[in-house]
Amino acid sequence: ANFDIKNYASRVDAALIALHGAGGEDG
């Protein structure tokens, strides 16, 4: 709940995606 990726923009150097299926592999 309340997931918002923008909240992490200033806190990380890069992202690594380990999501499979819809929401992860579909763009």
PDB file of all heavy atoms in Angstrom:
ATOM      1  N   ALA A   1       0.839  -1.202   0.000  1.00  0.00           N
ATOM      2  CA  ALA A   1       0.000   0.000   0.000  1.00  0.00           C
ATOM      3  C   ALA A   1       0.877   1.256   0.000  1.00  0.00           C
ATOM      4  O   ALA A   1       1.950   1.285   0.601  1.00  0.00           O
ATOM      5  CB  ALA A   1      -0.910  -0.005   1.227  1.00  0.00           C
ATOM      6  N   ASN A   2       0.418   2.260  -0.715  1.00  0.00           N
ATOM      7  CA  ASN A   2       1.099   3.560  -0.784  1.00  0.00           C
ATOM      8  C   ASN A   2       2.470   3.491  -1.465  1.00  0.00           C
ATOM      9  O   ASN A   2       3.313   4.359  -1.270  1.00  0.00           O
ATOM     10  CB  ASN A   2       1.261   4.162   0.622  1.00  0.00           C
ATOM     11  CG  ASN A   2      -0.064   4.325   1.332  1.00  0.00           C
ATOM     12  OD1 ASN A   2      -1.043   4.774   0.745  1.00  0.00           O
ATOM     13  ND2 ASN A   2      -0.108   3.945   2.609  1.00  0.00           N
ATOM     14  N   PHE A   3       2.703   2.443  -2.258  1.00  0.00           N
ATOM     15  CA  PHE A   3       3.970   2.350  -2.998  1.00  0.00           C
ATOM     16  C   PHE A   3       4.087   3.514  -3.970  1.00  0.00           C
ATOM     17  O   PHE A   3       3.179   3.785  -4.752  1.00  0.00           O
ATOM     18  CB  PHE A   3       4.033   1.025  -3.761  1.00  0.00           C
ATOM     19  CG  PHE A   3       5.150   0.974  -4.777  1.00  0.00           C
ATOM     20  CD1 PHE A   3       6.461   0.785  -4.366  1.00  0.00           C
ATOM     21  CD2 PHE A   3       4.888   1.128  -6.130  1.00  0.00           C
ATOM     22  CE1 PHE A   3       7.487   0.740  -5.301  1.00  0.00           C
ATOM     23  CE2 PHE A   3       5.907   1.089  -7.062  1.00  0.00           C
ATOM     24  CZ  PHE A   3       7.212   0.894  -6.642  1.00  0.00           C
ATOM     25  N   ASP A   4       5.205   4.212  -3.907  1.00  0.00           N
ATOM     26  CA  ASP A   4       5.483   5.303  -4.837  1.00  0.00           C
ATOM     27  C   ASP A   4       6.989   5.331  -5.056  1.00  0.00           C
ATOM     28  O   ASP A   4       7.760   5.710  -4.164  1.00  0.00           O
ATOM     29  CB  ASP A   4       4.998   6.642  -4.271  1.00  0.00           C
ATOM     30  CG  ASP A   4       5.104   7.773  -5.288  1.00  0.00           C
ATOM     31  OD1 ASP A   4       5.818   7.595  -6.302  1.00  0.00           O
ATOM     32  OD2 ASP A   4       4.472   8.826  -5.076  1.00  0.00           O
ATOM     33  N   ILE A   5       7.399   4.938  -6.238  1.00  0.00           N
ATOM     34  CA  ILE A   5       8.827   4.778  -6.510  1.00  0.00           C
ATOM     35  C   ILE A   5       9.570   6.111  -6.450  1.00  0.00           C
ATOM     36  O   ILE A   5      10.784   6.148  -6.188  1.00  0.00           O
ATOM     37  CB  ILE A   5       9.022   4.084  -7.879  1.00  0.00           C
ATOM     38  CG1 ILE A   5      10.371   3.361  -7.919  1.00  0.00           C
ATOM     39  CG2 ILE A   5       8.889   5.059  -9.034  1.00  0.00           C
ATOM     40  CD1 ILE A   5      10.488   2.345  -9.011  1.00  0.00           C
ATOM     41  N   LYS A   6       8.862   7.201  -6.646  1.00  0.00           N
ATOM     42  CA  LYS A   6       9.521   8.513  -6.614  1.00  0.00           C
ATOM     43  C   LYS A   6      10.115   8.809  -5.243  1.00  0.00           C
ATOM     44  O   LYS A   6      11.049   9.608  -5.131  1.00  0.00           O
ATOM     45  CB  LYS A   6       8.527   9.610  -7.012  1.00  0.00           C
ATOM     46  CG  LYS A   6       8.024   9.536  -8.442  1.00  0.00           C
ATOM     47  CD  LYS A   6       7.294  10.788  -8.849  1.00  0.00           C
ATOM     48  CE  LYS A   6       6.011  11.001  -8.065  1.00  0.00           C
ATOM     49  NZ  LYS A   6       4.984   9.979  -8.354  1.00  0.00           N
ATOM     50  N   ASN A   7       9.587   8.156  -4.219  1.00  0.00           N
ATOM     51  CA  ASN A   7      10.102   8.390  -2.867  1.00  0.00           C
ATOM     52  C   ASN A   7      11.543   7.918  -2.686  1.00  0.00           C
ATOM     53  O   ASN A   7      12.198   8.284  -1.712  1.00  0.00           O
ATOM     54  CB  ASN A   7       9.213   7.676  -1.840  1.00  0.00           C
ATOM     55  CG  ASN A   7       7.815   8.269  -1.776  1.00  0.00           C
ATOM     56  OD1 ASN A   7       7.618   9.436  -2.124  1.00  0.00           O
ATOM     57  ND2 ASN A   7       6.841   7.473  -1.352  1.00  0.00           N
ATOM     58  N   TYR A   8      12.024   7.118  -3.619  1.00  0.00           N
ATOM     59  CA  TYR A   8      13.359   6.547  -3.468  1.00  0.00           C
ATOM     60  C   TYR A   8      14.384   7.184  -4.408  1.00  0.00           C
ATOM     61  O   TYR A   8      15.570   6.849  -4.348  1.00  0.00           O
ATOM     62  CB  TYR A   8      13.298   5.033  -3.736  1.00  0.00           C
ATOM     63  CG  TYR A   8      12.346   4.315  -2.816  1.00  0.00           C
ATOM     64  CD1 TYR A   8      11.014   4.115  -3.182  1.00  0.00           C
ATOM     65  CD2 TYR A   8      12.754   3.853  -1.574  1.00  0.00           C
ATOM     66  CE1 TYR A   8      10.114   3.479  -2.333  1.00  0.00           C
ATOM     67  CE2 TYR A   8      11.868   3.213  -0.713  1.00  0.00           C
ATOM     68  CZ  TYR A   8      10.554   3.028  -1.107  1.00  0.00           C
ATOM     69  OH  TYR A   8       9.672   2.394  -0.255  1.00  0.00           O
ATOM     70  N   ALA A   9      13.937   8.086  -5.255  1.00  0.00           N
ATOM     71  CA  ALA A   9      14.809   8.634  -6.297  1.00  0.00           C
ATOM     72  C   ALA A   9      16.075   9.265  -5.741  1.00  0.00           C
ATOM     73  O   ALA A   9      17.162   9.129  -6.316  1.00  0.00           O
ATOM     74  CB  ALA A   9      14.041   9.642  -7.141  1.00  0.00           C
ATOM     75  N   SER A  10      15.969   9.971  -4.614  1.00  0.00           N
ATOM     76  CA  SER A  10      17.138  10.664  -4.065  1.00  0.00           C
ATOM     77  C   SER A  10      17.952   9.789  -3.108  1.00  0.00           C
ATOM     78  O   SER A  10      18.989  10.217  -2.606  1.00  0.00           O
ATOM     79  CB  SER A  10      16.687  11.937  -3.335  1.00  0.00           C
ATOM     80  OG  SER A  10      15.848  11.600  -2.239  1.00  0.00           O
ATOM     81  N   ARG A  11      17.493   8.565  -2.894  1.00  0.00           N
ATOM     82  CA  ARG A  11      18.128   7.702  -1.887  1.00  0.00           C
ATOM     83  C   ARG A  11      18.945   6.566  -2.466  1.00  0.00           C
ATOM     84  O   ARG A  11      19.670   5.890  -1.723  1.00  0.00           O
ATOM     85  CB  ARG A  11      17.037   7.116  -0.967  1.00  0.00           C
ATOM     86  CG  ARG A  11      16.241   8.153  -0.209  1.00  0.00           C
ATOM     87  CD  ARG A  11      15.006   7.551   0.432  1.00  0.00           C
ATOM     88  NE  ARG A  11      15.330   6.417   1.299  1.00  0.00           N
ATOM     89  CZ  ARG A  11      14.420   5.599   1.820  1.00  0.00           C
ATOM     90  NH1 ARG A  11      13.136   5.788   1.557  1.00  0.00           N
ATOM     91  NH2 ARG A  11      14.790   4.598   2.583  1.00  0.00           N
ATOM     92  N   VAL A  12      18.825   6.334  -3.794  1.00  0.00           N
ATOM     93  CA  VAL A  12      19.485   5.166  -4.384  1.00  0.00           C
ATOM     94  C   VAL A  12      20.339   5.560  -5.588  1.00  0.00           C
ATOM     95  O   VAL A  12      20.131   6.605  -6.207  1.00  0.00           O
ATOM     96  CB  VAL A  12      18.450   4.100  -4.808  1.00  0.00           C
ATOM     97  CG1 VAL A  12      17.634   3.640  -3.603  1.00  0.00           C
ATOM     98  CG2 VAL A  12      17.535   4.618  -5.915  1.00  0.00           C
ATOM     99  N   ASP A  13      21.305   4.687  -5.884  1.00  0.00           N
ATOM    100  CA  ASP A  13      22.160   4.903  -7.053  1.00  0.00           C
ATOM    101  C   ASP A  13      21.599   4.229  -8.303  1.00  0.00           C
ATOM    102  O   ASP A  13      21.840   4.685  -9.423  1.00  0.00           O
ATOM    103  CB  ASP A  13      23.566   4.352  -6.776  1.00  0.00           C
ATOM    104  CG  ASP A  13      24.243   5.087  -5.636  1.00  0.00           C
ATOM    105  OD1 ASP A  13      24.452   6.300  -5.777  1.00  0.00           O
ATOM    106  OD2 ASP A  13      24.552   4.450  -4.607  1.00  0.00           O
ATOM    107  N   ALA A  14      20.897   3.130  -8.108  1.00  0.00           N
ATOM    108  CA  ALA A  14      20.358   2.375  -9.239  1.00  0.00           C
ATOM    109  C   ALA A  14      19.304   1.401  -8.725  1.00  0.00           C
ATOM    110  O   ALA A  14      19.201   1.151  -7.518  1.00  0.00           O
ATOM    111  CB  ALA A  14      21.463   1.616  -9.966  1.00  0.00           C
ATOM    112  N   ALA A  15      18.535   0.855  -9.669  1.00  0.00           N
ATOM    113  CA  ALA A  15      17.529  -0.150  -9.329  1.00  0.00           C
ATOM    114  C   ALA A  15      17.874  -1.474  -9.979  1.00  0.00           C
ATOM    115  O   ALA A  15      18.479  -1.522 -11.062  1.00  0.00           O
ATOM    116  CB  ALA A  15      16.146   0.303  -9.784  1.00  0.00           C
ATOM    117  N   LEU A  16      17.477  -2.540  -9.317  1.00  0.00           N
ATOM    118  CA  LEU A  16      17.595  -3.868  -9.901  1.00  0.00           C
ATOM    119  C   LEU A  16      16.219  -4.534  -9.794  1.00  0.00           C
ATOM    120  O   LEU A  16      15.658  -4.637  -8.705  1.00  0.00           O
ATOM    121  CB  LEU A  16      18.653  -4.699  -9.172  1.00  0.00           C
ATOM    122  CG  LEU A  16      19.318  -5.801 -10.011  1.00  0.00           C
ATOM    123  CD1 LEU A  16      20.651  -6.204  -9.404  1.00  0.00           C
ATOM    124  CD2 LEU A  16      18.436  -7.004 -10.196  1.00  0.00           C
ATOM    125  N   ILE A  17      15.695  -4.939 -10.944  1.00  0.00           N
ATOM    126  CA  ILE A  17      14.330  -5.468 -11.003  1.00  0.00           C
ATOM    127  C   ILE A  17      14.346  -6.988 -10.925  1.00  0.00           C
ATOM    128  O   ILE A  17      14.975  -7.650 -11.752  1.00  0.00           O
ATOM    129  CB  ILE A  17      13.626  -5.029 -12.302  1.00  0.00           C
ATOM    130  CG1 ILE A  17      13.709  -3.507 -12.478  1.00  0.00           C
ATOM    131  CG2 ILE A  17      12.184  -5.489 -12.313  1.00  0.00           C
ATOM    132  CD1 ILE A  17      13.289  -3.027 -13.857  1.00  0.00           C
ATOM    133  N   ALA A  18      13.652  -7.530  -9.926  1.00  0.00           N
ATOM    134  CA  ALA A  18      13.483  -8.981  -9.815  1.00  0.00           C
ATOM    135  C   ALA A  18      11.998  -9.319  -9.839  1.00  0.00           C
ATOM    136  O   ALA A  18      11.549 -10.259  -9.196  1.00  0.00           O
ATOM    137  CB  ALA A  18      14.143  -9.502  -8.538  1.00  0.00           C
ATOM    138  N   LEU A  19      11.243  -8.520 -10.592  1.00  0.00           N
ATOM    139  CA  LEU A  19       9.799  -8.725 -10.722  1.00  0.00           C
ATOM    140  C   LEU A  19       9.518  -9.560 -11.961  1.00  0.00           C
ATOM    141  O   LEU A  19      10.034  -9.269 -13.038  1.00  0.00           O
ATOM    142  CB  LEU A  19       9.077  -7.384 -10.847  1.00  0.00           C
ATOM    143  CG  LEU A  19       9.086  -6.471  -9.626  1.00  0.00           C
ATOM    144  CD1 LEU A  19       8.640  -5.068 -10.025  1.00  0.00           C
ATOM    145  CD2 LEU A  19       8.189  -7.026  -8.527  1.00  0.00           C
ATOM    146  N   HIS A  20       8.694 -10.584 -11.815  1.00  0.00           N
ATOM    147  CA  HIS A  20       8.313 -11.420 -12.947  1.00  0.00           C
ATOM    148  C   HIS A  20       6.822 -11.272 -13.205  1.00  0.00           C
ATOM    149  O   HIS A  20       6.034 -11.034 -12.282  1.00  0.00           O
ATOM    150  CB  HIS A  20       8.649 -12.889 -12.669  1.00  0.00           C
ATOM    151  CG  HIS A  20      10.061 -13.095 -12.203  1.00  0.00           C
ATOM    152  ND1 HIS A  20      11.145 -12.594 -12.883  1.00  0.00           N
ATOM    153  CD2 HIS A  20      10.559 -13.742 -11.120  1.00  0.00           C
ATOM    154  CE1 HIS A  20      12.258 -12.925 -12.237  1.00  0.00           C
ATOM    155  NE2 HIS A  20      11.924 -13.625 -11.162  1.00  0.00           N
ATOM    156  N   GLY A  21       6.437 -11.426 -14.455  1.00  0.00           N
ATOM    157  CA  GLY A  21       5.020 -11.344 -14.784  1.00  0.00           C
ATOM    158  C   GLY A  21       4.550  -9.915 -14.972  1.00  0.00           C
ATOM    159  O   GLY A  21       5.344  -8.973 -15.113  1.00  0.00           O
ATOM    160  N   ALA A  22       3.223  -9.743 -14.971  1.00  0.00           N
ATOM    161  CA  ALA A  22       2.627  -8.429 -15.185  1.00  0.00           C
ATOM    162  C   ALA A  22       3.103  -7.441 -14.128  1.00  0.00           C
ATOM    163  O   ALA A  22       3.211  -7.766 -12.962  1.00  0.00           O
ATOM    164  CB  ALA A  22       1.104  -8.542 -15.152  1.00  0.00           C
ATOM    165  N   GLY A  23       3.407  -6.232 -14.580  1.00  0.00           N
ATOM    166  CA  GLY A  23       3.908  -5.204 -13.680  1.00  0.00           C
ATOM    167  C   GLY A  23       5.416  -5.156 -13.621  1.00  0.00           C
ATOM    168  O   GLY A  23       6.005  -4.129 -13.266  1.00  0.00           O
ATOM    169  N   GLY A  24       6.068  -6.277 -13.967  1.00  0.00           N
ATOM    170  CA  GLY A  24       7.518  -6.331 -13.919  1.00  0.00           C
ATOM    171  C   GLY A  24       8.162  -6.505 -15.273  1.00  0.00           C
ATOM    172  O   GLY A  24       9.130  -5.833 -15.608  1.00  0.00           O
ATOM    173  N   GLU A  25       7.597  -7.408 -16.091  1.00  0.00           N
ATOM    174  CA  GLU A  25       8.195  -7.707 -17.389  1.00  0.00           C
ATOM    175  C   GLU A  25       7.487  -7.014 -18.545  1.00  0.00           C
ATOM    176  O   GLU A  25       7.921  -7.132 -19.687  1.00  0.00           O
ATOM    177  CB  GLU A  25       8.189  -9.214 -17.629  1.00  0.00           C
ATOM    178  CG  GLU A  25       9.130  -9.982 -16.700  1.00  0.00           C
ATOM    179  CD  GLU A  25       9.151 -11.466 -17.002  1.00  0.00           C
ATOM    180  OE1 GLU A  25       9.824 -11.859 -17.966  1.00  0.00           O
ATOM    181  OE2 GLU A  25       8.503 -12.234 -16.267  1.00  0.00           O
ATOM    182  N   ASP A  26       6.405  -6.308 -18.270  1.00  0.00           N
ATOM    183  CA  ASP A  26       5.617  -5.721 -19.345  1.00  0.00           C
ATOM    184  C   ASP A  26       5.902  -4.249 -19.594  1.00  0.00           C
ATOM    185  O   ASP A  26       5.234  -3.600 -20.392  1.00  0.00           O
ATOM    186  CB  ASP A  26       4.121  -5.916 -19.067  1.00  0.00           C
ATOM    187  CG  ASP A  26       3.687  -5.302 -17.729  1.00  0.00           C
ATOM    188  OD1 ASP A  26       4.535  -4.683 -17.046  1.00  0.00           O
ATOM    189  OD2 ASP A  26       2.501  -5.461 -17.362  1.00  0.00           O
ATOM    190  N   GLY A  27       6.888  -3.710 -18.913  1.00  0.00           N
ATOM    191  CA  GLY A  27       7.260  -2.309 -19.103  1.00  0.00           C
ATOM    192  C   GLY A  27       6.684  -1.358 -18.069  1.00  0.00           C
ATOM    193  O   GLY A  27       7.056  -0.183 -18.035  1.00  0.00           O
TER     194      GLY A  27
END
